Amino acid sequence: MKEIKIFCPGTIANISCGFDVMGVALDSVGDEMVIKKVATKGVKITELTGQHLPKDTHLNVAGVAGLALLAESDYDGGFEIKIHKKIKAGSGIGSSAASSSGAVWGMNKLLGNPFSKLQLVKFAMEGERLASGVAHADNVAPALFGGFTLIRSYEPLDIVQIPSPSQLFATVIHPQIEIKTSDSRKILKTSLSLEDGIKQWGNVGGLVAGLFMDDYDLISRSLVDHIVEPIRSMLIPGFDKIKSSAIESGALGCGISGSGPSIFALSQGKENAEKVRHSMKTVYQKIGIEYDVHVSPINIEGIKVI
């Protein structure tokens, strides 16, 4: 096999309380990539559609992640990559992660899978480093592993897959503004109170337990962010109205997807998720903000061949 076409899912990072350590893969939105083995060593981006992003290998997250894999590989050739972006850059649903993780997953597949998923996460994190200045894994991990993931540790990297309740659906609305991850990180506090830390740790533990136990009430009680959301929400127009309307419409919880501006809600069942979608749309229609909105089951497979 010398060429492969793949679907690279969008992802929600942080999941309210899990800043930089939790994420989940979506099923209804993602990029497509075509990766081809070639004799010439290196990584070359030959086509890029859907977004105005650099094709230069060293300036593109897919190229940088691919080079990180090649540096650890004994393969003498290289790869050509076509990227068809369906996730808007700066949307908060893992645009850079889709490209980074898709590149290394596809390359690894064509090489006969010499690298583990954990190793692929490390390579993909280099693309995230280029995009945001920080090599975080909360988007690339769920893209590569599928479903919910917990980054228990970064040094050494330790990733835990978390089961997803079968009736869990995500609704994600993307107001048509861009917030760069690197910019949204600059406004965050570098210290927190012990009181806030205790609340946050409890919610992370509760969310993980709720996912394992299929306990939707526990999931709902745990989808609370005491640290990041109060600051980042100020950058997102209509956030408080979106959140309150989503919860009133039956969402288990609602928060900022990644660094924003997208806002996510988790619901039990597709019917509730659709009600939440309608309520979110109504808020932005009244405010006069253009938006995209997605309703998606949880993608437990991650990246896949199409």
C-alpha atoms as a PDB file:
ATOM      1  CA  MET A   1       0.000   0.000   0.000  1.00  0.00           C
ATOM      2  CA  LYS A   2       1.573   3.260  -1.163  1.00  0.00           C
ATOM      3  CA  GLU A   3      -1.329   5.683  -0.730  1.00  0.00           C
ATOM      4  CA  ILE A   4      -4.065   6.124   1.847  1.00  0.00           C
ATOM      5  CA  LYS A   5      -7.067   8.428   2.281  1.00  0.00           C
ATOM      6  CA  ILE A   6      -8.176   9.099   5.836  1.00  0.00           C
ATOM      7  CA  PHE A   7     -10.741  10.939   7.953  1.00  0.00           C
ATOM      8  CA  CYS A   8      -9.231  13.008  10.772  1.00  0.00           C
ATOM      9  CA  PRO A   9     -11.863  13.909  13.395  1.00  0.00           C
ATOM     10  CA  GLY A  10     -12.480  17.185  15.076  1.00  0.00           C
ATOM     11  CA  THR A  11     -12.008  17.090  18.836  1.00  0.00           C
ATOM     12  CA  ILE A  12     -13.178  18.855  21.959  1.00  0.00           C
ATOM     13  CA  ALA A  13     -10.377  19.535  24.422  1.00  0.00           C
ATOM     14  CA  ASN A  14     -10.483  20.331  28.133  1.00  0.00           C
ATOM     15  CA  ILE A  15     -14.123  19.100  28.560  1.00  0.00           C
ATOM     16  CA  SER A  16     -14.726  21.938  31.049  1.00  0.00           C
ATOM     17  CA  CYS A  17     -12.698  20.818  34.070  1.00  0.00           C
ATOM     18  CA  GLY A  18      -9.911  18.887  32.286  1.00  0.00           C
ATOM     19  CA  PHE A  19      -7.675  21.709  31.039  1.00  0.00           C
ATOM     20  CA  ASP A  20      -4.845  20.259  28.903  1.00  0.00           C
ATOM     21  CA  VAL A  21      -5.544  16.705  30.137  1.00  0.00           C
ATOM     22  CA  MET A  22      -8.937  15.647  28.734  1.00  0.00           C
ATOM     23  CA  GLY A  23     -10.383  15.465  25.234  1.00  0.00           C
ATOM     24  CA  VAL A  24     -12.909  13.639  23.072  1.00  0.00           C
ATOM     25  CA  ALA A  25     -13.184  12.842  19.366  1.00  0.00           C
ATOM     26  CA  LEU A  26     -16.191  13.830  17.236  1.00  0.00           C
ATOM     27  CA  ASP A  27     -17.768  11.795  14.477  1.00  0.00           C
ATOM     28  CA  SER A  28     -19.606  14.313  12.293  1.00  0.00           C
ATOM     29  CA  VAL A  29     -16.867  16.849  11.576  1.00  0.00           C
ATOM     30  CA  GLY A  30     -13.269  16.351  10.481  1.00  0.00           C
ATOM     31  CA  ASP A  31     -10.632  16.800   7.791  1.00  0.00           C
ATOM     32  CA  GLU A  32      -9.676  14.476   4.972  1.00  0.00           C
ATOM     33  CA  MET A  33      -6.080  13.713   4.034  1.00  0.00           C
ATOM     34  CA  VAL A  34      -4.390  11.720   1.290  1.00  0.00           C
ATOM     35  CA  ILE A  35      -0.900  10.464   2.172  1.00  0.00           C
ATOM     36  CA  LYS A  36       1.441   8.863  -0.348  1.00  0.00           C
ATOM     37  CA  LYS A  37       4.807   7.119   0.017  1.00  0.00           C
ATOM     38  CA  VAL A  38       7.471   8.489  -2.322  1.00  0.00           C
ATOM     39  CA  ALA A  39      11.155   7.826  -2.949  1.00  0.00           C
ATOM     40  CA  THR A  40      12.297  11.373  -2.120  1.00  0.00           C
ATOM     41  CA  LYS A  41      13.128  11.698   1.568  1.00  0.00           C
ATOM     42  CA  GLY A  42      11.180  14.216   3.625  1.00  0.00           C
ATOM     43  CA  VAL A  43       7.601  15.427   3.856  1.00  0.00           C
ATOM     44  CA  LYS A  44       5.959  17.577   1.198  1.00  0.00           C
ATOM     45  CA  ILE A  45       2.507  19.202   1.356  1.00  0.00           C
ATOM     46  CA  THR A  46       1.391  18.981  -2.287  1.00  0.00           C
ATOM     47  CA  GLU A  47      -2.186  20.253  -1.897  1.00  0.00           C
ATOM     48  CA  LEU A  48      -4.124  22.153   0.750  1.00  0.00           C
ATOM     49  CA  THR A  49      -7.772  23.098   0.299  1.00  0.00           C
ATOM     50  CA  GLY A  50     -10.421  24.642   2.506  1.00  0.00           C
ATOM     51  CA  GLN A  51      -8.218  27.032   4.482  1.00  0.00           C
ATOM     52  CA  HIS A  52      -5.482  29.553   3.736  1.00  0.00           C
ATOM     53  CA  LEU A  53      -2.639  27.815   5.546  1.00  0.00           C
ATOM     54  CA  PRO A  54       1.064  27.465   4.646  1.00  0.00           C
ATOM     55  CA  LYS A  55       2.138  24.528   2.490  1.00  0.00           C
ATOM     56  CA  ASP A  56       5.769  24.934   3.547  1.00  0.00           C
ATOM     57  CA  THR A  57       6.645  21.735   5.434  1.00  0.00           C
ATOM     58  CA  HIS A  58       8.301  23.564   8.335  1.00  0.00           C
ATOM     59  CA  LEU A  59       5.387  25.999   8.718  1.00  0.00           C
ATOM     60  CA  ASN A  60       2.587  23.446   8.488  1.00  0.00           C
ATOM     61  CA  VAL A  61       1.633  21.359  11.532  1.00  0.00           C
ATOM     62  CA  ALA A  62       1.231  18.208   9.436  1.00  0.00           C
ATOM     63  CA  GLY A  63       4.683  18.685   7.974  1.00  0.00           C
ATOM     64  CA  VAL A  64       6.329  19.284  11.339  1.00  0.00           C
ATOM     65  CA  ALA A  65       4.604  16.277  12.929  1.00  0.00           C
ATOM     66  CA  GLY A  66       5.533  14.121   9.932  1.00  0.00           C
ATOM     67  CA  LEU A  67       9.172  15.154  10.154  1.00  0.00           C
ATOM     68  CA  ALA A  68       9.176  14.206  13.843  1.00  0.00           C
ATOM     69  CA  LEU A  69       8.045  10.698  12.885  1.00  0.00           C
ATOM     70  CA  LEU A  70      10.585  10.407  10.071  1.00  0.00           C
ATOM     71  CA  ALA A  71      13.376  11.414  12.427  1.00  0.00           C
ATOM     72  CA  GLU A  72      12.635   8.308  14.515  1.00  0.00           C
ATOM     73  CA  SER A  73      12.038   5.998  11.537  1.00  0.00           C
ATOM     74  CA  ASP A  74      14.482   3.906   9.523  1.00  0.00           C
ATOM     75  CA  TYR A  75      12.461   4.532   6.346  1.00  0.00           C
ATOM     76  CA  ASP A  76      14.703   5.937   3.591  1.00  0.00           C
ATOM     77  CA  GLY A  77      11.961   7.548   1.514  1.00  0.00           C
ATOM     78  CA  GLY A  78       9.396  10.245   2.195  1.00  0.00           C
ATOM     79  CA  PHE A  79       5.749  11.236   1.950  1.00  0.00           C
ATOM     80  CA  GLU A  80       3.514  13.569   0.000  1.00  0.00           C
ATOM     81  CA  ILE A  81       0.420  14.865   1.772  1.00  0.00           C
ATOM     82  CA  LYS A  82      -2.815  16.384   0.491  1.00  0.00           C
ATOM     83  CA  ILE A  83      -4.904  18.127   3.146  1.00  0.00           C
ATOM     84  CA  HIS A  84      -8.571  18.944   2.672  1.00  0.00           C
ATOM     85  CA  LYS A  85      -9.532  21.115   5.617  1.00  0.00           C
ATOM     86  CA  LYS A  86     -13.131  20.864   6.800  1.00  0.00           C
ATOM     87  CA  ILE A  87     -12.296  22.213  10.269  1.00  0.00           C
ATOM     88  CA  LYS A  88     -11.671  25.933  10.335  1.00  0.00           C
ATOM     89  CA  ALA A  89      -8.405  27.095  11.858  1.00  0.00           C
ATOM     90  CA  GLY A  90      -8.904  28.784  15.211  1.00  0.00           C
ATOM     91  CA  SER A  91     -12.348  27.209  15.652  1.00  0.00           C
ATOM     92  CA  GLY A  92     -11.573  25.434  18.920  1.00  0.00           C
ATOM     93  CA  ILE A  93     -12.391  21.947  17.645  1.00  0.00           C
ATOM     94  CA  GLY A  94      -8.887  20.721  16.943  1.00  0.00           C
ATOM     95  CA  SER A  95      -8.033  21.943  13.445  1.00  0.00           C
ATOM     96  CA  SER A  96      -4.274  21.748  13.976  1.00  0.00           C
ATOM     97  CA  ALA A  97      -4.620  18.438  15.838  1.00  0.00           C
ATOM     98  CA  ALA A  98      -6.523  16.872  12.942  1.00  0.00           C
ATOM     99  CA  SER A  99      -3.684  17.716  10.543  1.00  0.00           C
ATOM    100  CA  SER A 100      -0.905  16.760  12.953  1.00  0.00           C
ATOM    101  CA  SER A 101      -2.402  13.473  14.077  1.00  0.00           C
ATOM    102  CA  GLY A 102      -3.683  12.579  10.619  1.00  0.00           C
ATOM    103  CA  ALA A 103      -0.237  12.990   9.089  1.00  0.00           C
ATOM    104  CA  VAL A 104       1.521  10.698  11.565  1.00  0.00           C
ATOM    105  CA  TRP A 105      -1.309   8.142  11.661  1.00  0.00           C
ATOM    106  CA  GLY A 106      -1.358   7.838   7.885  1.00  0.00           C
ATOM    107  CA  MET A 107       2.419   7.678   7.569  1.00  0.00           C
ATOM    108  CA  ASN A 108       2.605   5.034  10.268  1.00  0.00           C
ATOM    109  CA  LYS A 109      -0.100   3.007   8.539  1.00  0.00           C
ATOM    110  CA  LEU A 110       1.798   3.060   5.226  1.00  0.00           C
ATOM    111  CA  LEU A 111       4.969   1.957   7.024  1.00  0.00           C
ATOM    112  CA  GLY A 112       3.239  -1.066   8.552  1.00  0.00           C
ATOM    113  CA  ASN A 113       2.485   0.493  11.975  1.00  0.00           C
ATOM    114  CA  PRO A 114       5.983   0.439  13.506  1.00  0.00           C
ATOM    115  CA  PHE A 115       5.015   3.077  16.085  1.00  0.00           C
ATOM    116  CA  SER A 116       2.505   2.782  18.924  1.00  0.00           C
ATOM    117  CA  LYS A 117      -0.365   5.238  19.383  1.00  0.00           C
ATOM    118  CA  LEU A 118       1.491   6.744  22.331  1.00  0.00           C
ATOM    119  CA  GLN A 119       4.526   7.392  20.119  1.00  0.00           C
ATOM    120  CA  LEU A 120       2.265   8.919  17.469  1.00  0.00           C
ATOM    121  CA  VAL A 121       0.878  11.312  20.072  1.00  0.00           C
ATOM    122  CA  LYS A 122       4.421  12.506  20.815  1.00  0.00           C
ATOM    123  CA  PHE A 123       5.052  13.172  17.114  1.00  0.00           C
ATOM    124  CA  ALA A 124       1.707  14.941  16.670  1.00  0.00           C
ATOM    125  CA  MET A 125       2.390  17.116  19.712  1.00  0.00           C
ATOM    126  CA  GLU A 126       5.211  18.743  17.754  1.00  0.00           C
ATOM    127  CA  GLY A 127       2.607  20.048  15.327  1.00  0.00           C
ATOM    128  CA  GLU A 128       0.661  21.426  18.276  1.00  0.00           C
ATOM    129  CA  ARG A 129       3.839  23.091  19.524  1.00  0.00           C
ATOM    130  CA  LEU A 130       4.074  24.920  16.201  1.00  0.00           C
ATOM    131  CA  ALA A 131       0.415  25.965  16.308  1.00  0.00           C
ATOM    132  CA  SER A 132       0.134  27.162  19.899  1.00  0.00           C
ATOM    133  CA  GLY A 133       3.619  27.338  21.344  1.00  0.00           C
ATOM    134  CA  VAL A 134       2.833  24.456  23.706  1.00  0.00           C
ATOM    135  CA  ALA A 135       3.128  20.733  22.902  1.00  0.00           C
ATOM    136  CA  HIS A 136      -0.218  19.763  24.446  1.00  0.00           C
ATOM    137  CA  ALA A 137      -1.934  16.438  23.768  1.00  0.00           C
ATOM    138  CA  ASP A 138      -5.573  16.946  24.734  1.00  0.00           C
ATOM    139  CA  ASN A 139      -6.662  17.188  21.075  1.00  0.00           C
ATOM    140  CA  VAL A 140      -4.257  14.812  19.341  1.00  0.00           C
ATOM    141  CA  ALA A 141      -4.749  12.045  21.922  1.00  0.00           C
ATOM    142  CA  PRO A 142      -8.490  11.557  21.303  1.00  0.00           C
ATOM    143  CA  ALA A 143      -7.960  11.954  17.549  1.00  0.00           C
ATOM    144  CA  LEU A 144      -5.468   9.063  17.606  1.00  0.00           C
ATOM    145  CA  PHE A 145      -7.013   6.870  20.317  1.00  0.00           C
ATOM    146  CA  GLY A 146     -10.684   7.672  19.732  1.00  0.00           C
ATOM    147  CA  GLY A 147     -13.342   8.441  22.325  1.00  0.00           C
ATOM    148  CA  PHE A 148     -12.422  10.192  25.570  1.00  0.00           C
ATOM    149  CA  THR A 149      -8.818  10.332  26.693  1.00  0.00           C
ATOM    150  CA  LEU A 150      -7.075  11.448  29.859  1.00  0.00           C
ATOM    151  CA  ILE A 151      -3.453  12.576  29.807  1.00  0.00           C
ATOM    152  CA  ARG A 152      -2.487  11.343  33.251  1.00  0.00           C
ATOM    153  CA  SER A 153       1.056  12.629  32.847  1.00  0.00           C
ATOM    154  CA  TYR A 154       3.118  14.518  30.282  1.00  0.00           C
ATOM    155  CA  GLU A 155       6.519  13.512  31.661  1.00  0.00           C
ATOM    156  CA  PRO A 156       6.521  10.655  31.003  1.00  0.00           C
ATOM    157  CA  LEU A 157       3.596  10.743  28.597  1.00  0.00           C
ATOM    158  CA  ASP A 158       0.820   8.517  29.954  1.00  0.00           C
ATOM    159  CA  ILE A 159      -2.573   8.400  28.225  1.00  0.00           C
ATOM    160  CA  VAL A 160      -5.663   6.610  29.506  1.00  0.00           C
ATOM    161  CA  GLN A 161      -8.607   5.706  27.269  1.00  0.00           C
ATOM    162  CA  ILE A 162     -11.973   6.326  28.912  1.00  0.00           C
ATOM    163  CA  PRO A 163     -15.160   4.551  27.772  1.00  0.00           C
ATOM    164  CA  SER A 164     -17.991   6.654  26.392  1.00  0.00           C
ATOM    165  CA  PRO A 165     -21.618   6.049  27.405  1.00  0.00           C
ATOM    166  CA  SER A 166     -23.537   4.926  24.317  1.00  0.00           C
ATOM    167  CA  GLN A 167     -26.180   7.662  24.538  1.00  0.00           C
ATOM    168  CA  LEU A 168     -23.726  10.543  24.887  1.00  0.00           C
ATOM    169  CA  PHE A 169     -23.891  13.175  22.132  1.00  0.00           C
ATOM    170  CA  ALA A 170     -22.028  16.433  21.622  1.00  0.00           C
ATOM    171  CA  THR A 171     -23.428  19.665  20.239  1.00  0.00           C
ATOM    172  CA  VAL A 172     -20.807  22.186  19.132  1.00  0.00           C
ATOM    173  CA  ILE A 173     -21.521  25.703  17.893  1.00  0.00           C
ATOM    174  CA  HIS A 174     -18.786  27.768  16.262  1.00  0.00           C
ATOM    175  CA  PRO A 175     -19.337  31.531  16.100  1.00  0.00           C
ATOM    176  CA  GLN A 176     -17.571  32.849  13.014  1.00  0.00           C
ATOM    177  CA  ILE A 177     -14.730  34.545  14.822  1.00  0.00           C
ATOM    178  CA  GLU A 178     -11.208  33.268  15.318  1.00  0.00           C
ATOM    179  CA  ILE A 179      -9.397  32.920  18.619  1.00  0.00           C
ATOM    180  CA  LYS A 180      -5.825  31.678  18.342  1.00  0.00           C
ATOM    181  CA  THR A 181      -4.826  29.147  20.976  1.00  0.00           C
ATOM    182  CA  SER A 182      -1.555  30.986  21.543  1.00  0.00           C
ATOM    183  CA  ASP A 183      -3.460  34.222  22.286  1.00  0.00           C
ATOM    184  CA  SER A 184      -6.035  32.588  24.564  1.00  0.00           C
ATOM    185  CA  ARG A 185      -3.240  31.058  26.637  1.00  0.00           C
ATOM    186  CA  LYS A 186      -1.669  34.445  27.277  1.00  0.00           C
ATOM    187  CA  ILE A 187      -4.638  35.659  29.313  1.00  0.00           C
ATOM    188  CA  LEU A 188      -4.694  32.678  31.681  1.00  0.00           C
ATOM    189  CA  LYS A 189      -3.506  32.958  35.261  1.00  0.00           C
ATOM    190  CA  THR A 190      -0.318  31.078  36.108  1.00  0.00           C
ATOM    191  CA  SER A 191      -1.378  30.362  39.695  1.00  0.00           C
ATOM    192  CA  LEU A 192      -4.603  29.304  41.400  1.00  0.00           C
ATOM    193  CA  SER A 193      -5.984  29.070  44.882  1.00  0.00           C
ATOM    194  CA  LEU A 194      -5.996  25.794  46.758  1.00  0.00           C
ATOM    195  CA  GLU A 195      -9.788  26.101  47.047  1.00  0.00           C
ATOM    196  CA  ASP A 196     -10.222  26.288  43.258  1.00  0.00           C
ATOM    197  CA  GLY A 197      -7.740  23.462  42.754  1.00  0.00           C
ATOM    198  CA  ILE A 198      -9.668  21.164  45.085  1.00  0.00           C
ATOM    199  CA  LYS A 199     -12.941  21.927  43.281  1.00  0.00           C
ATOM    200  CA  GLN A 200     -11.359  21.271  39.897  1.00  0.00           C
ATOM    201  CA  TRP A 201      -9.686  17.996  40.911  1.00  0.00           C
ATOM    202  CA  GLY A 202     -12.976  16.772  42.290  1.00  0.00           C
ATOM    203  CA  ASN A 203     -14.759  17.536  39.024  1.00  0.00           C
ATOM    204  CA  VAL A 204     -12.101  15.813  36.904  1.00  0.00           C
ATOM    205  CA  GLY A 205     -12.367  12.710  39.075  1.00  0.00           C
ATOM    206  CA  GLY A 206     -16.156  12.879  38.967  1.00  0.00           C
ATOM    207  CA  LEU A 207     -16.226  13.226  35.182  1.00  0.00           C
ATOM    208  CA  VAL A 208     -13.912  10.248  34.660  1.00  0.00           C
ATOM    209  CA  ALA A 209     -15.935   8.162  37.115  1.00  0.00           C
ATOM    210  CA  GLY A 210     -19.208   9.198  35.474  1.00  0.00           C
ATOM    211  CA  LEU A 211     -17.953   8.162  32.033  1.00  0.00           C
ATOM    212  CA  PHE A 212     -16.802   4.778  33.326  1.00  0.00           C
ATOM    213  CA  MET A 213     -20.063   4.187  35.214  1.00  0.00           C
ATOM    214  CA  ASP A 214     -22.457   5.461  32.520  1.00  0.00           C
ATOM    215  CA  ASP A 215     -23.723   7.834  35.204  1.00  0.00           C
ATOM    216  CA  TYR A 216     -25.149  10.799  33.307  1.00  0.00           C
ATOM    217  CA  ASP A 217     -26.083  12.680  36.474  1.00  0.00           C
ATOM    218  CA  LEU A 218     -22.510  12.441  37.751  1.00  0.00           C
ATOM    219  CA  ILE A 219     -21.201  13.563  34.357  1.00  0.00           C
ATOM    220  CA  SER A 220     -23.538  16.545  34.529  1.00  0.00           C
ATOM    221  CA  ARG A 221     -22.476  17.536  38.060  1.00  0.00           C
ATOM    222  CA  SER A 222     -18.811  17.310  37.069  1.00  0.00           C
ATOM    223  CA  LEU A 223     -18.890  19.446  33.894  1.00  0.00           C
ATOM    224  CA  VAL A 224     -17.852  22.567  35.793  1.00  0.00           C
ATOM    225  CA  ASP A 225     -14.705  24.635  35.247  1.00  0.00           C
ATOM    226  CA  HIS A 226     -13.625  26.928  38.088  1.00  0.00           C
ATOM    227  CA  ILE A 227     -10.312  27.993  36.574  1.00  0.00           C
ATOM    228  CA  VAL A 228     -10.161  28.574  32.795  1.00  0.00           C
ATOM    229  CA  GLU A 229     -13.735  29.181  31.666  1.00  0.00           C
ATOM    230  CA  PRO A 230     -14.335  32.307  33.785  1.00  0.00           C
ATOM    231  CA  ILE A 231     -11.418  33.992  31.982  1.00  0.00           C
ATOM    232  CA  ARG A 232     -11.681  32.650  28.431  1.00  0.00           C
ATOM    233  CA  SER A 233     -15.456  33.061  28.247  1.00  0.00           C
ATOM    234  CA  MET A 234     -14.959  36.824  28.133  1.00  0.00           C
ATOM    235  CA  LEU A 235     -13.502  36.399  24.619  1.00  0.00           C
ATOM    236  CA  ILE A 236     -16.611  34.608  23.300  1.00  0.00           C
ATOM    237  CA  PRO A 237     -19.668  36.737  22.474  1.00  0.00           C
ATOM    238  CA  GLY A 238     -22.900  35.465  24.001  1.00  0.00           C
ATOM    239  CA  PHE A 239     -21.212  32.671  25.942  1.00  0.00           C
ATOM    240  CA  ASP A 240     -23.304  32.985  29.098  1.00  0.00           C
ATOM    241  CA  LYS A 241     -26.554  33.049  27.123  1.00  0.00           C
ATOM    242  CA  ILE A 242     -25.509  30.049  25.046  1.00  0.00           C
ATOM    243  CA  LYS A 243     -24.583  28.088  28.172  1.00  0.00           C
ATOM    244  CA  SER A 244     -27.756  28.859  30.101  1.00  0.00           C
ATOM    245  CA  SER A 245     -29.997  28.129  27.115  1.00  0.00           C
ATOM    246  CA  ALA A 246     -28.222  24.820  26.440  1.00  0.00           C
ATOM    247  CA  ILE A 247     -28.681  23.633  30.019  1.00  0.00           C
ATOM    248  CA  GLU A 248     -32.303  24.789  30.054  1.00  0.00           C
ATOM    249  CA  SER A 249     -32.828  22.725  26.881  1.00  0.00           C
ATOM    250  CA  GLY A 250     -31.587  19.558  28.567  1.00  0.00           C
ATOM    251  CA  ALA A 251     -27.799  19.544  28.172  1.00  0.00           C
ATOM    252  CA  LEU A 252     -25.822  17.717  30.839  1.00  0.00           C
ATOM    253  CA  GLY A 253     -23.293  20.529  30.774  1.00  0.00           C
ATOM    254  CA  CYS A 254     -21.835  23.197  28.528  1.00  0.00           C
ATOM    255  CA  GLY A 255     -18.424  24.806  28.204  1.00  0.00           C
ATOM    256  CA  ILE A 256     -15.694  26.156  25.944  1.00  0.00           C
ATOM    257  CA  SER A 257     -14.352  23.767  23.332  1.00  0.00           C
ATOM    258  CA  GLY A 258     -10.569  23.935  23.520  1.00  0.00           C
ATOM    259  CA  SER A 259      -9.465  27.546  23.545  1.00  0.00           C
ATOM    260  CA  GLY A 260     -12.704  28.687  21.891  1.00  0.00           C
ATOM    261  CA  PRO A 261     -14.573  30.304  20.303  1.00  0.00           C
ATOM    262  CA  SER A 262     -16.577  27.086  19.804  1.00  0.00           C
ATOM    263  CA  ILE A 263     -18.906  26.135  22.641  1.00  0.00           C
ATOM    264  CA  PHE A 264     -19.786  22.503  23.332  1.00  0.00           C
ATOM    265  CA  ALA A 265     -22.581  20.806  25.201  1.00  0.00           C
ATOM    266  CA  LEU A 266     -22.929  17.131  26.126  1.00  0.00           C
ATOM    267  CA  SER A 267     -26.370  15.554  26.170  1.00  0.00           C
ATOM    268  CA  GLN A 268     -27.952  12.191  26.830  1.00  0.00           C
ATOM    269  CA  GLY A 269     -29.479  11.087  23.529  1.00  0.00           C
ATOM    270  CA  LYS A 270     -29.605  12.634  20.081  1.00  0.00           C
ATOM    271  CA  GLU A 271     -33.040  14.163  20.674  1.00  0.00           C
ATOM    272  CA  ASN A 272     -31.729  16.261  23.567  1.00  0.00           C
ATOM    273  CA  ALA A 273     -28.622  17.176  21.570  1.00  0.00           C
ATOM    274  CA  GLU A 274     -30.842  18.467  18.751  1.00  0.00           C
ATOM    275  CA  LYS A 275     -32.880  20.546  21.213  1.00  0.00           C
ATOM    276  CA  VAL A 276     -29.632  22.038  22.476  1.00  0.00           C
ATOM    277  CA  ARG A 277     -28.571  22.778  18.889  1.00  0.00           C
ATOM    278  CA  HIS A 278     -31.798  24.701  18.308  1.00  0.00           C
ATOM    279  CA  SER A 279     -31.398  26.699  21.518  1.00  0.00           C
ATOM    280  CA  MET A 280     -27.790  27.611  20.671  1.00  0.00           C
ATOM    281  CA  LYS A 281     -28.766  28.700  17.156  1.00  0.00           C
ATOM    282  CA  THR A 282     -31.557  30.883  18.521  1.00  0.00           C
ATOM    283  CA  VAL A 283     -29.162  32.802  20.764  1.00  0.00           C
ATOM    284  CA  TYR A 284     -26.748  33.655  17.964  1.00  0.00           C
ATOM    285  CA  GLN A 285     -29.566  34.466  15.552  1.00  0.00           C
ATOM    286  CA  LYS A 286     -30.881  37.027  18.039  1.00  0.00           C
ATOM    287  CA  ILE A 287     -27.403  38.479  18.604  1.00  0.00           C
ATOM    288  CA  GLY A 288     -26.701  38.526  14.863  1.00  0.00           C
ATOM    289  CA  ILE A 289     -23.577  36.366  14.878  1.00  0.00           C
ATOM    290  CA  GLU A 290     -22.928  33.909  12.038  1.00  0.00           C
ATOM    291  CA  TYR A 291     -22.167  30.371  13.129  1.00  0.00           C
ATOM    292  CA  ASP A 292     -21.688  26.715  12.238  1.00  0.00           C
ATOM    293  CA  VAL A 293     -23.224  24.036  14.441  1.00  0.00           C
ATOM    294  CA  HIS A 294     -22.646  20.295  14.655  1.00  0.00           C
ATOM    295  CA  VAL A 295     -24.400  17.465  16.478  1.00  0.00           C
ATOM    296  CA  SER A 296     -22.237  14.381  16.799  1.00  0.00           C
ATOM    297  CA  PRO A 297     -22.062  11.036  18.542  1.00  0.00           C
ATOM    298  CA  ILE A 298     -18.753  10.308  20.215  1.00  0.00           C
ATOM    299  CA  ASN A 299     -16.198   8.924  17.748  1.00  0.00           C
ATOM    300  CA  ILE A 300     -14.747   5.899  19.522  1.00  0.00           C
ATOM    301  CA  GLU A 301     -12.520   4.903  16.588  1.00  0.00           C
ATOM    302  CA  GLY A 302     -10.581   8.115  15.979  1.00  0.00           C
ATOM    303  CA  ILE A 303      -8.787   8.507  12.659  1.00  0.00           C
ATOM    304  CA  LYS A 304      -9.920   5.995  10.050  1.00  0.00           C
ATOM    305  CA  VAL A 305      -9.396   4.993   6.423  1.00  0.00           C
ATOM    306  CA  ILE A 306     -12.090   6.189   4.021  1.00  0.00           C
END
